[in-house]
Amino acid sequence: MYLENNWNWNEKYPVIRISFDTTFKNAEELNEYIKVIQDKYAKNYQVKLHPKHIGTRMMKLIENISEKTNKKLVLISR
């Protein structure tokens, strides 16, 4: 409710969407799934990802996209 009147709805922000509407057999499958999503967004925004650790990759992805677009990034997961 707060955002409805306190948000500039005309301004566009970069968005990363991650959907966890599937099941994974183990942590390796989950990590691979997240890396594929990270790679997709890195390619879409033409930024590079070098770190191997999945958490560091996400942090760098957010930082790189924010720096490239000069905007804060919205991360949506479900």
N, C-alpha and C. Protein backbone atom coordinates (compact mmCIF):
# COMPACT_ATOMS: atom_id res chain seq x y z
N MET A 1 0.82 -1.19 0.00
CA MET A 1 0.00 0.00 0.00
C MET A 1 0.87 1.26 0.00
N TYR A 2 1.96 1.24 0.77
CA TYR A 2 2.82 2.42 0.85
C TYR A 2 3.37 2.79 -0.51
N LEU A 3 3.82 1.80 -1.26
CA LEU A 3 4.45 2.09 -2.55
C LEU A 3 3.49 2.69 -3.56
N GLU A 4 2.24 2.35 -3.46
CA GLU A 4 1.27 2.83 -4.45
C GLU A 4 1.32 4.35 -4.61
N ASN A 5 1.44 5.07 -3.52
CA ASN A 5 1.46 6.53 -3.59
C ASN A 5 2.86 7.12 -3.46
N ASN A 6 3.87 6.28 -3.20
CA ASN A 6 5.22 6.79 -2.97
C ASN A 6 6.23 6.20 -3.94
N TRP A 7 5.80 5.82 -5.10
CA TRP A 7 6.68 5.20 -6.09
C TRP A 7 6.47 5.90 -7.42
N ASN A 8 7.55 6.19 -8.12
CA ASN A 8 7.44 6.77 -9.46
C ASN A 8 7.21 5.63 -10.44
N TRP A 9 5.97 5.39 -10.80
CA TRP A 9 5.61 4.26 -11.66
C TRP A 9 6.03 4.47 -13.10
N ASN A 10 6.44 5.67 -13.47
CA ASN A 10 6.88 5.95 -14.84
C ASN A 10 8.34 5.58 -15.06
N GLU A 11 9.10 5.47 -13.99
CA GLU A 11 10.52 5.14 -14.10
C GLU A 11 10.71 3.62 -14.19
N LYS A 12 11.55 3.19 -15.13
CA LYS A 12 11.82 1.77 -15.33
C LYS A 12 13.08 1.37 -14.56
N TYR A 13 13.06 0.17 -14.00
CA TYR A 13 14.19 -0.37 -13.26
C TYR A 13 14.54 -1.74 -13.82
N PRO A 14 15.82 -2.11 -13.76
CA PRO A 14 16.18 -3.47 -14.17
C PRO A 14 15.62 -4.47 -13.17
N VAL A 15 15.18 -5.61 -13.68
CA VAL A 15 14.54 -6.62 -12.84
C VAL A 15 15.17 -7.98 -13.10
N ILE A 16 15.44 -8.71 -12.03
CA ILE A 16 15.84 -10.12 -12.12
C ILE A 16 14.70 -10.91 -11.48
N ARG A 17 14.15 -11.86 -12.24
CA ARG A 17 13.08 -12.71 -11.73
C ARG A 17 13.60 -14.14 -11.60
N ILE A 18 13.40 -14.71 -10.43
CA ILE A 18 13.79 -16.10 -10.20
C ILE A 18 12.56 -16.84 -9.68
N SER A 19 12.17 -17.88 -10.38
CA SER A 19 11.01 -18.66 -9.98
C SER A 19 11.48 -20.02 -9.46
N PHE A 20 11.05 -20.37 -8.27
CA PHE A 20 11.39 -21.65 -7.67
C PHE A 20 10.16 -22.57 -7.69
N ASP A 21 9.47 -22.58 -8.82
CA ASP A 21 8.25 -23.38 -8.92
C ASP A 21 8.53 -24.79 -9.43
N THR A 22 9.73 -25.25 -9.24
CA THR A 22 10.10 -26.60 -9.61
C THR A 22 10.80 -27.26 -8.43
N THR A 23 11.00 -28.55 -8.49
CA THR A 23 11.69 -29.24 -7.40
C THR A 23 13.08 -29.67 -7.87
N PHE A 24 13.97 -29.79 -6.94
CA PHE A 24 15.35 -30.17 -7.23
C PHE A 24 15.70 -31.40 -6.40
N LYS A 25 16.46 -32.29 -7.00
CA LYS A 25 16.85 -33.52 -6.30
C LYS A 25 17.90 -33.27 -5.24
N ASN A 26 18.71 -32.22 -5.46
CA ASN A 26 19.80 -31.94 -4.52
C ASN A 26 20.26 -30.49 -4.69
N ALA A 27 21.19 -30.09 -3.84
CA ALA A 27 21.69 -28.72 -3.87
C ALA A 27 22.42 -28.40 -5.17
N GLU A 28 23.08 -29.39 -5.75
CA GLU A 28 23.80 -29.17 -7.00
C GLU A 28 22.84 -28.76 -8.12
N GLU A 29 21.69 -29.41 -8.21
CA GLU A 29 20.69 -29.05 -9.22
C GLU A 29 20.18 -27.63 -9.00
N LEU A 30 19.93 -27.28 -7.74
CA LEU A 30 19.47 -25.92 -7.42
C LEU A 30 20.52 -24.90 -7.82
N ASN A 31 21.79 -25.15 -7.46
CA ASN A 31 22.86 -24.22 -7.80
C ASN A 31 23.01 -24.07 -9.31
N GLU A 32 22.91 -25.16 -10.04
CA GLU A 32 23.01 -25.10 -11.50
C GLU A 32 21.86 -24.29 -12.09
N TYR A 33 20.68 -24.49 -11.57
CA TYR A 33 19.50 -23.73 -12.01
C TYR A 33 19.71 -22.23 -11.81
N ILE A 34 20.20 -21.86 -10.63
CA ILE A 34 20.43 -20.44 -10.33
C ILE A 34 21.53 -19.88 -11.23
N LYS A 35 22.59 -20.64 -11.48
CA LYS A 35 23.66 -20.18 -12.36
C LYS A 35 23.17 -19.94 -13.78
N VAL A 36 22.29 -20.80 -14.27
CA VAL A 36 21.72 -20.61 -15.61
C VAL A 36 20.93 -19.30 -15.66
N ILE A 37 20.16 -19.03 -14.63
CA ILE A 37 19.40 -17.77 -14.57
C ILE A 37 20.36 -16.58 -14.52
N GLN A 38 21.40 -16.69 -13.69
CA GLN A 38 22.38 -15.61 -13.60
C GLN A 38 23.05 -15.35 -14.95
N ASP A 39 23.42 -16.41 -15.63
CA ASP A 39 24.05 -16.27 -16.95
C ASP A 39 23.12 -15.61 -17.95
N LYS A 40 21.84 -15.97 -17.89
CA LYS A 40 20.85 -15.38 -18.79
C LYS A 40 20.77 -13.87 -18.60
N TYR A 41 20.69 -13.42 -17.35
CA TYR A 41 20.59 -11.99 -17.09
C TYR A 41 21.90 -11.27 -17.37
N ALA A 42 23.03 -11.92 -17.13
CA ALA A 42 24.32 -11.32 -17.47
C ALA A 42 24.40 -11.09 -18.98
N LYS A 43 23.94 -12.06 -19.75
CA LYS A 43 23.94 -11.92 -21.21
C LYS A 43 22.97 -10.83 -21.65
N ASN A 44 21.76 -10.83 -21.08
CA ASN A 44 20.75 -9.82 -21.45
C ASN A 44 21.24 -8.40 -21.21
N TYR A 45 21.95 -8.20 -20.10
CA TYR A 45 22.43 -6.87 -19.74
C TYR A 45 23.87 -6.63 -20.17
N GLN A 46 24.44 -7.62 -20.84
CA GLN A 46 25.81 -7.54 -21.36
C GLN A 46 26.82 -7.17 -20.28
N VAL A 47 26.77 -7.94 -19.19
CA VAL A 47 27.75 -7.79 -18.12
C VAL A 47 28.44 -9.13 -17.92
N LYS A 48 29.63 -9.10 -17.36
CA LYS A 48 30.42 -10.32 -17.16
C LYS A 48 30.31 -10.80 -15.72
N LEU A 49 30.32 -12.13 -15.58
CA LEU A 49 30.32 -12.77 -14.27
C LEU A 49 31.53 -13.68 -14.18
N HIS A 50 32.40 -13.45 -13.21
CA HIS A 50 33.59 -14.28 -13.06
C HIS A 50 33.56 -15.17 -11.82
N PRO A 51 32.97 -14.74 -10.72
CA PRO A 51 33.03 -15.57 -9.51
C PRO A 51 32.38 -16.93 -9.71
N LYS A 52 32.87 -17.91 -8.97
CA LYS A 52 32.32 -19.26 -9.05
C LYS A 52 31.25 -19.51 -7.99
N HIS A 53 31.39 -18.89 -6.82
CA HIS A 53 30.43 -19.09 -5.74
C HIS A 53 29.10 -18.45 -6.11
N ILE A 54 28.03 -19.18 -5.97
CA ILE A 54 26.71 -18.74 -6.44
C ILE A 54 26.26 -17.43 -5.77
N GLY A 55 26.54 -17.28 -4.49
CA GLY A 55 26.17 -16.05 -3.79
C GLY A 55 26.96 -14.85 -4.27
N THR A 56 28.26 -15.04 -4.49
CA THR A 56 29.11 -13.97 -4.99
C THR A 56 28.71 -13.60 -6.41
N ARG A 57 28.34 -14.61 -7.21
CA ARG A 57 27.87 -14.34 -8.58
C ARG A 57 26.62 -13.45 -8.56
N MET A 58 25.69 -13.76 -7.65
CA MET A 58 24.47 -12.96 -7.58
C MET A 58 24.78 -11.54 -7.16
N MET A 59 25.64 -11.39 -6.17
CA MET A 59 26.02 -10.06 -5.72
C MET A 59 26.66 -9.27 -6.85
N LYS A 60 27.58 -9.90 -7.59
CA LYS A 60 28.25 -9.22 -8.70
C LYS A 60 27.29 -8.92 -9.83
N LEU A 61 26.36 -9.83 -10.09
CA LEU A 61 25.37 -9.60 -11.14
C LEU A 61 24.54 -8.35 -10.82
N ILE A 62 24.06 -8.26 -9.59
CA ILE A 62 23.27 -7.10 -9.17
C ILE A 62 24.10 -5.83 -9.26
N GLU A 63 25.33 -5.87 -8.75
CA GLU A 63 26.20 -4.69 -8.80
C GLU A 63 26.48 -4.27 -10.24
N ASN A 64 26.82 -5.23 -11.09
CA ASN A 64 27.17 -4.91 -12.48
C ASN A 64 26.00 -4.34 -13.26
N ILE A 65 24.82 -4.91 -13.07
CA ILE A 65 23.64 -4.39 -13.77
C ILE A 65 23.29 -3.00 -13.25
N SER A 66 23.37 -2.80 -11.93
CA SER A 66 23.08 -1.49 -11.35
C SER A 66 24.06 -0.43 -11.86
N GLU A 67 25.33 -0.79 -11.92
CA GLU A 67 26.33 0.15 -12.43
C GLU A 67 26.09 0.46 -13.91
N LYS A 68 25.78 -0.55 -14.69
CA LYS A 68 25.58 -0.37 -16.12
C LYS A 68 24.35 0.49 -16.40
N THR A 69 23.27 0.27 -15.66
CA THR A 69 22.02 1.01 -15.90
C THR A 69 21.92 2.29 -15.08
N ASN A 70 22.80 2.43 -14.10
CA ASN A 70 22.78 3.56 -13.17
C ASN A 70 21.44 3.63 -12.42
N LYS A 71 20.90 2.45 -12.11
CA LYS A 71 19.64 2.35 -11.38
C LYS A 71 19.73 1.22 -10.36
N LYS A 72 18.92 1.32 -9.33
CA LYS A 72 18.80 0.21 -8.40
C LYS A 72 18.08 -0.93 -9.10
N LEU A 73 18.40 -2.14 -8.69
CA LEU A 73 17.85 -3.32 -9.31
C LEU A 73 16.75 -3.93 -8.44
N VAL A 74 15.72 -4.45 -9.08
CA VAL A 74 14.63 -5.12 -8.38
C VAL A 74 14.83 -6.61 -8.54
N LEU A 75 14.86 -7.35 -7.44
CA LEU A 75 15.01 -8.80 -7.45
C LEU A 75 13.70 -9.42 -6.98
N ILE A 76 13.10 -10.21 -7.85
CA ILE A 76 11.83 -10.86 -7.52
C ILE A 76 12.05 -12.36 -7.53
N SER A 77 11.69 -13.01 -6.44
CA SER A 77 11.75 -14.47 -6.41
C SER A 77 10.41 -14.99 -5.90
N ARG A 78 10.08 -16.14 -6.42
CA ARG A 78 8.83 -16.77 -5.96
C ARG A 78 8.99 -18.25 -5.98
